[in-house]
């Protein structure tokens, strides 16, 4: 654990702890006092329309942007004060493709392993394991450009897991994929939770939310709700998560217009 400030109260360690985080691009506020937590070994969905602030928040979690207002901790380690300890426990899949298409599947993993200081023998063993789990063991020698969109995404997930992180965050990971590829990737990521990995899955697609998922509704940079999807449906008087989300966001937009 990280050193505590004088007078700071010790709290339960969570996989991810977002505390009163705000961020602005000039005069435009992208995040407004955002707070929520992802428990250890859980699957949480950050649900919001395009432009809600999801990618900005993940850029802060991954330190692409500096945290100016608020605090972000990964397993108790502050991303600003202890970036090495925090990011060592984090795996990331960004919305934009980040593979080197001219390298083979295995070469993409080897390069990532080198960046994390993983030795060659350990890197090969981990690559074999994550490729098998992703259903890509038979494509290890193929160039990344020859994979389908869904296979590329599964390779990026495998790469993110190479250094054995305890938290995996994914930014709109199924964008542009067909229905089967989306379902396969979501099922694969959900299976990781059983192996002890905490997951934060960001999406604007409500059909990717299961009834027992913890849902954080982010709208115009603010958290509107954070509770299990089934509770959210019941409390809004809706029939499903889609209508619950629409009721919450319409009400929020009405408050802003008032």
Protein backbone atom coordinates (compact mmCIF):
# COMPACT_ATOMS: atom_id res chain seq x y z
CA UNK A 1 0.00 0.00 0.00
CA UNK A 2 1.02 3.57 -0.53
CA UNK A 3 1.96 5.83 2.32
CA UNK A 4 -1.01 7.67 3.80
CA UNK A 5 -1.28 11.37 4.37
CA UNK A 6 -1.42 12.47 8.03
CA UNK A 7 -4.95 12.06 9.30
CA UNK A 8 -6.09 10.08 6.24
CA UNK A 9 -8.50 7.28 7.11
CA UNK A 10 -7.56 3.80 5.93
CA UNK A 11 -10.26 2.43 3.61
CA UNK A 12 -10.85 -0.88 1.88
CA UNK A 13 -8.55 -1.31 -1.10
CA UNK A 14 -10.45 -1.39 -4.41
CA UNK A 15 -9.25 -2.31 -7.86
CA UNK A 16 -10.04 1.22 -9.04
CA UNK A 17 -11.01 4.21 -6.95
CA UNK A 18 -12.07 7.45 -8.68
CA UNK A 19 -12.48 10.29 -6.19
CA UNK A 20 -13.94 13.68 -7.17
CA UNK A 21 -12.18 13.84 -10.52
CA UNK A 22 -12.80 16.79 -12.84
CA UNK A 23 -11.17 17.66 -16.14
CA UNK A 24 -11.60 20.48 -18.64
CA UNK A 25 -10.47 21.31 -22.16
CA UNK A 26 -10.21 25.06 -21.94
CA UNK A 27 -13.65 26.34 -21.00
CA UNK A 28 -15.37 23.02 -21.71
CA UNK A 29 -15.69 20.75 -18.69
CA UNK A 30 -15.44 17.12 -19.80
CA UNK A 31 -15.67 15.58 -16.30
CA UNK A 32 -17.43 17.14 -13.33
CA UNK A 33 -16.68 15.78 -9.85
CA UNK A 34 -16.72 12.12 -10.90
CA UNK A 35 -16.53 9.50 -8.14
CA UNK A 36 -17.01 5.73 -8.22
CA UNK A 37 -15.13 2.54 -7.37
CA UNK A 38 -14.62 -0.86 -8.98
CA UNK A 39 -14.28 -3.63 -6.35
CA UNK A 40 -11.60 -6.29 -6.60
CA UNK A 41 -12.58 -9.15 -8.90
CA UNK A 42 -15.70 -7.48 -10.30
CA UNK A 43 -17.13 -6.52 -13.71
CA UNK A 44 -18.31 -2.93 -13.97
CA UNK A 45 -19.80 -1.13 -16.96
CA UNK A 46 -19.16 2.56 -17.57
CA UNK A 47 -22.19 3.39 -19.71
CA UNK A 48 -22.52 6.66 -21.59
CA UNK A 49 -23.24 8.19 -24.96
CA UNK A 50 -20.40 9.26 -27.23
CA UNK A 51 -19.00 12.46 -25.74
CA UNK A 52 -20.06 11.59 -22.19
CA UNK A 53 -16.46 11.71 -20.94
CA UNK A 54 -15.59 8.00 -20.93
CA UNK A 55 -12.42 8.29 -23.00
CA UNK A 56 -11.28 11.34 -21.06
CA UNK A 57 -11.66 9.43 -17.81
CA UNK A 58 -9.68 6.48 -19.14
CA UNK A 59 -6.98 8.85 -20.34
CA UNK A 60 -6.66 10.05 -16.74
CA UNK A 61 -6.64 6.51 -15.34
CA UNK A 62 -3.85 5.53 -17.74
CA UNK A 63 -1.93 8.79 -17.21
CA UNK A 64 -2.20 9.95 -20.81
CA UNK A 65 -3.56 13.08 -19.10
CA UNK A 66 -2.41 14.34 -15.71
CA UNK A 67 -4.95 14.31 -12.88
CA UNK A 68 -5.34 17.97 -11.88
CA UNK A 69 -8.49 17.74 -9.79
CA UNK A 70 -9.30 14.70 -7.67
CA UNK A 71 -7.53 11.39 -7.11
CA UNK A 72 -7.33 8.07 -8.92
CA UNK A 73 -6.02 4.95 -7.21
CA UNK A 74 -5.37 1.49 -8.62
CA UNK A 75 -5.25 -1.10 -5.83
CA UNK A 76 -4.51 1.72 -3.42
CA UNK A 77 -1.70 3.27 -5.45
CA UNK A 78 -2.21 6.87 -6.55
CA UNK A 79 -1.61 7.18 -10.32
CA UNK A 80 0.09 10.56 -9.89
CA UNK A 81 2.24 9.85 -6.83
CA UNK A 82 3.02 6.17 -7.54
CA UNK A 83 2.59 5.76 -11.30
CA UNK A 84 4.87 2.75 -11.58
CA UNK A 85 3.09 0.76 -8.88
CA UNK A 86 -0.33 1.79 -10.15
CA UNK A 87 0.21 1.08 -13.84
CA UNK A 88 1.97 -2.22 -13.18
CA UNK A 89 -1.40 -3.53 -12.00
CA UNK A 90 -3.30 -2.15 -15.00
CA UNK A 91 -4.00 -3.57 -18.45
CA UNK A 92 -5.58 -1.32 -21.10
CA UNK A 93 -7.38 -1.82 -24.39
CA UNK A 94 -7.94 1.52 -26.13
CA UNK A 95 -10.74 2.19 -28.59
CA UNK A 96 -8.31 2.95 -31.43
CA UNK A 97 -6.31 0.02 -32.79
CA UNK A 98 -2.72 0.03 -31.51
CA UNK A 99 -1.27 -3.12 -33.07
CA UNK A 100 1.73 -3.05 -35.41
CA UNK A 101 0.10 -4.57 -38.48
CA UNK A 102 3.43 -5.49 -40.08
CA UNK A 103 4.49 -7.62 -37.10
CA UNK A 104 3.23 -11.12 -36.42
CA UNK A 105 0.83 -11.86 -33.60
CA UNK A 106 3.67 -13.22 -31.47
CA UNK A 107 5.97 -10.31 -32.33
CA UNK A 108 3.35 -7.83 -31.17
CA UNK A 109 3.28 -9.62 -27.82
CA UNK A 110 7.06 -9.86 -27.61
CA UNK A 111 7.42 -6.12 -28.15
CA UNK A 112 4.89 -5.41 -25.40
CA UNK A 113 6.68 -7.84 -23.07
CA UNK A 114 9.97 -6.04 -23.63
CA UNK A 115 8.37 -2.72 -22.72
CA UNK A 116 7.27 -4.26 -19.42
CA UNK A 117 10.69 -5.77 -18.72
CA UNK A 118 9.49 -9.37 -19.06
CA UNK A 119 12.31 -11.78 -19.86
CA UNK A 120 12.29 -13.69 -23.15
CA UNK A 121 11.52 -17.11 -21.69
CA UNK A 122 8.74 -15.79 -19.47
CA UNK A 123 7.38 -13.70 -22.34
CA UNK A 124 7.10 -16.74 -24.59
CA UNK A 125 5.31 -18.74 -21.90
CA UNK A 126 2.88 -15.90 -21.18
CA UNK A 127 2.28 -15.35 -24.90
CA UNK A 128 1.39 -19.00 -25.36
CA UNK A 129 -1.01 -18.79 -22.44
CA UNK A 130 -2.83 -15.59 -23.39
CA UNK A 131 -3.08 -16.59 -27.05
CA UNK A 132 -4.62 -19.92 -26.09
CA UNK A 133 -7.11 -18.18 -23.80
CA UNK A 134 -7.99 -15.75 -26.61
CA UNK A 135 -8.42 -18.53 -29.16
CA UNK A 136 -5.49 -17.30 -31.25
CA UNK A 137 -2.88 -19.99 -30.63
CA UNK A 138 -3.05 -21.10 -34.27
CA UNK A 139 -2.48 -17.54 -35.54
CA UNK A 140 0.74 -16.79 -33.61
CA UNK A 141 2.87 -16.62 -36.76
CA UNK A 142 0.41 -14.62 -38.85
CA UNK A 143 0.85 -10.91 -39.45
CA UNK A 144 -1.59 -8.84 -37.44
CA UNK A 145 -2.98 -7.27 -40.63
CA UNK A 146 -4.30 -10.68 -41.70
CA UNK A 147 -6.57 -11.00 -38.66
CA UNK A 148 -10.26 -10.13 -38.68
CA UNK A 149 -11.45 -7.14 -36.66
CA UNK A 150 -12.62 -9.37 -33.84
CA UNK A 151 -9.34 -11.30 -33.80
CA UNK A 152 -7.37 -8.04 -33.67
CA UNK A 153 -9.38 -6.99 -30.65
CA UNK A 154 -8.80 -10.34 -28.96
CA UNK A 155 -5.08 -9.94 -29.63
CA UNK A 156 -5.14 -6.51 -27.99
CA UNK A 157 -6.85 -8.02 -24.95
CA UNK A 158 -4.25 -10.80 -24.84
CA UNK A 159 -1.49 -8.20 -25.05
CA UNK A 160 -3.05 -6.18 -22.21
CA UNK A 161 -3.02 -9.31 -20.02
CA UNK A 162 0.57 -10.28 -20.82
CA UNK A 163 2.09 -8.69 -17.70
CA UNK A 164 -0.64 -10.21 -15.47
CA UNK A 165 -2.48 -7.05 -14.40
CA UNK A 166 -5.19 -7.23 -11.76
CA UNK A 167 -7.33 -4.54 -13.40
CA UNK A 168 -8.32 -4.43 -17.07
CA UNK A 169 -9.98 -1.35 -18.58
CA UNK A 170 -11.43 -1.37 -22.08
CA UNK A 171 -12.58 1.71 -23.96
CA UNK A 172 -15.46 0.88 -26.34
CA UNK A 173 -13.77 -2.41 -27.27
CA UNK A 174 -16.52 -3.70 -29.58
CA UNK A 175 -16.95 -0.62 -31.79
CA UNK A 176 -17.09 -1.59 -35.46
CA UNK A 177 -17.43 -5.33 -34.85
CA UNK A 178 -20.25 -7.60 -35.96
CA UNK A 179 -22.72 -9.09 -33.49
CA UNK A 180 -20.92 -12.43 -33.10
CA UNK A 181 -17.49 -10.85 -32.62
CA UNK A 182 -18.96 -8.47 -30.02
CA UNK A 183 -20.58 -11.34 -28.12
CA UNK A 184 -17.40 -13.46 -28.23
CA UNK A 185 -15.21 -10.66 -26.90
CA UNK A 186 -17.65 -9.74 -24.14
CA UNK A 187 -17.91 -13.39 -23.06
CA UNK A 188 -14.11 -13.71 -23.06
CA UNK A 189 -13.65 -10.60 -20.93
CA UNK A 190 -16.36 -11.68 -18.49
CA UNK A 191 -14.56 -15.00 -18.05
CA UNK A 192 -11.47 -13.13 -16.85
CA UNK A 193 -13.35 -11.99 -13.74
CA UNK A 194 -13.62 -15.61 -12.61
CA UNK A 195 -9.82 -15.71 -12.78
CA UNK A 196 -9.58 -12.74 -10.41
CA UNK A 197 -9.22 -9.82 -12.84
CA UNK A 198 -11.34 -6.72 -12.14
CA UNK A 199 -12.80 -5.22 -15.31
CA UNK A 200 -14.04 -1.76 -16.23
CA UNK A 201 -15.85 -2.03 -19.57
CA UNK A 202 -16.84 1.28 -21.17
CA UNK A 203 -19.56 1.34 -23.80
CA UNK A 204 -22.47 3.27 -25.28
CA UNK A 205 -24.21 0.00 -26.26
CA UNK A 206 -26.83 -0.87 -23.66
CA UNK A 207 -27.24 -4.41 -25.00
CA UNK A 208 -23.79 -5.21 -23.58
CA UNK A 209 -25.08 -4.72 -20.01
CA UNK A 210 -26.21 -7.77 -18.00
CA UNK A 211 -28.79 -7.54 -15.20
CA UNK A 212 -26.26 -8.17 -12.43
CA UNK A 213 -23.56 -5.83 -13.78
CA UNK A 214 -22.56 -2.83 -11.70
CA UNK A 215 -23.41 0.11 -13.97
CA UNK A 216 -21.94 3.60 -13.75
CA UNK A 217 -24.02 5.95 -15.90
CA UNK A 218 -21.85 8.84 -17.14
CA UNK A 219 -23.62 11.69 -18.93
CA UNK A 220 -22.16 15.05 -19.93
CA UNK A 221 -19.23 14.42 -17.61
CA UNK A 222 -21.31 13.62 -14.51
CA UNK A 223 -22.15 10.32 -12.81
CA UNK A 224 -25.94 9.97 -12.76
CA UNK A 225 -26.11 6.55 -11.13
CA UNK A 226 -23.92 3.72 -9.86
CA UNK A 227 -25.73 0.51 -8.97
CA UNK A 228 -26.57 -2.95 -10.34
CA UNK A 229 -28.41 -2.78 -13.66
CA UNK A 230 -31.47 -4.57 -12.25
CA UNK A 231 -31.74 -2.02 -9.43
CA UNK A 232 -31.39 0.83 -11.90
CA UNK A 233 -34.26 -0.54 -13.98
CA UNK A 234 -36.48 -1.00 -10.94
CA UNK A 235 -35.74 2.39 -9.37
CA UNK A 236 -36.45 4.30 -12.58
CA UNK A 237 -39.68 2.40 -13.18
CA UNK A 238 -38.35 1.24 -16.53
CA UNK A 239 -38.82 -2.08 -18.30
CA UNK A 240 -35.19 -2.61 -19.29
CA UNK A 241 -31.76 -1.02 -19.03
CA UNK A 242 -32.21 0.87 -22.31
CA UNK A 243 -35.31 2.69 -21.11
CA UNK A 244 -33.76 3.23 -17.66
CA UNK A 245 -30.73 4.87 -19.27
CA UNK A 246 -32.96 7.05 -21.47
CA UNK A 247 -35.03 8.18 -18.48
CA UNK A 248 -31.94 9.10 -16.47
CA UNK A 249 -30.28 11.05 -19.26
CA UNK A 250 -33.47 12.86 -20.31
CA UNK A 251 -34.07 13.90 -16.71
CA UNK A 252 -30.49 15.17 -16.45
CA UNK A 253 -30.80 17.12 -19.68
CA UNK A 254 -34.03 18.64 -18.38
CA UNK A 255 -32.30 19.76 -15.20
CA UNK A 256 -29.56 21.42 -17.25
CA UNK A 257 -32.10 23.22 -19.41
CA UNK A 258 -34.12 24.45 -16.43
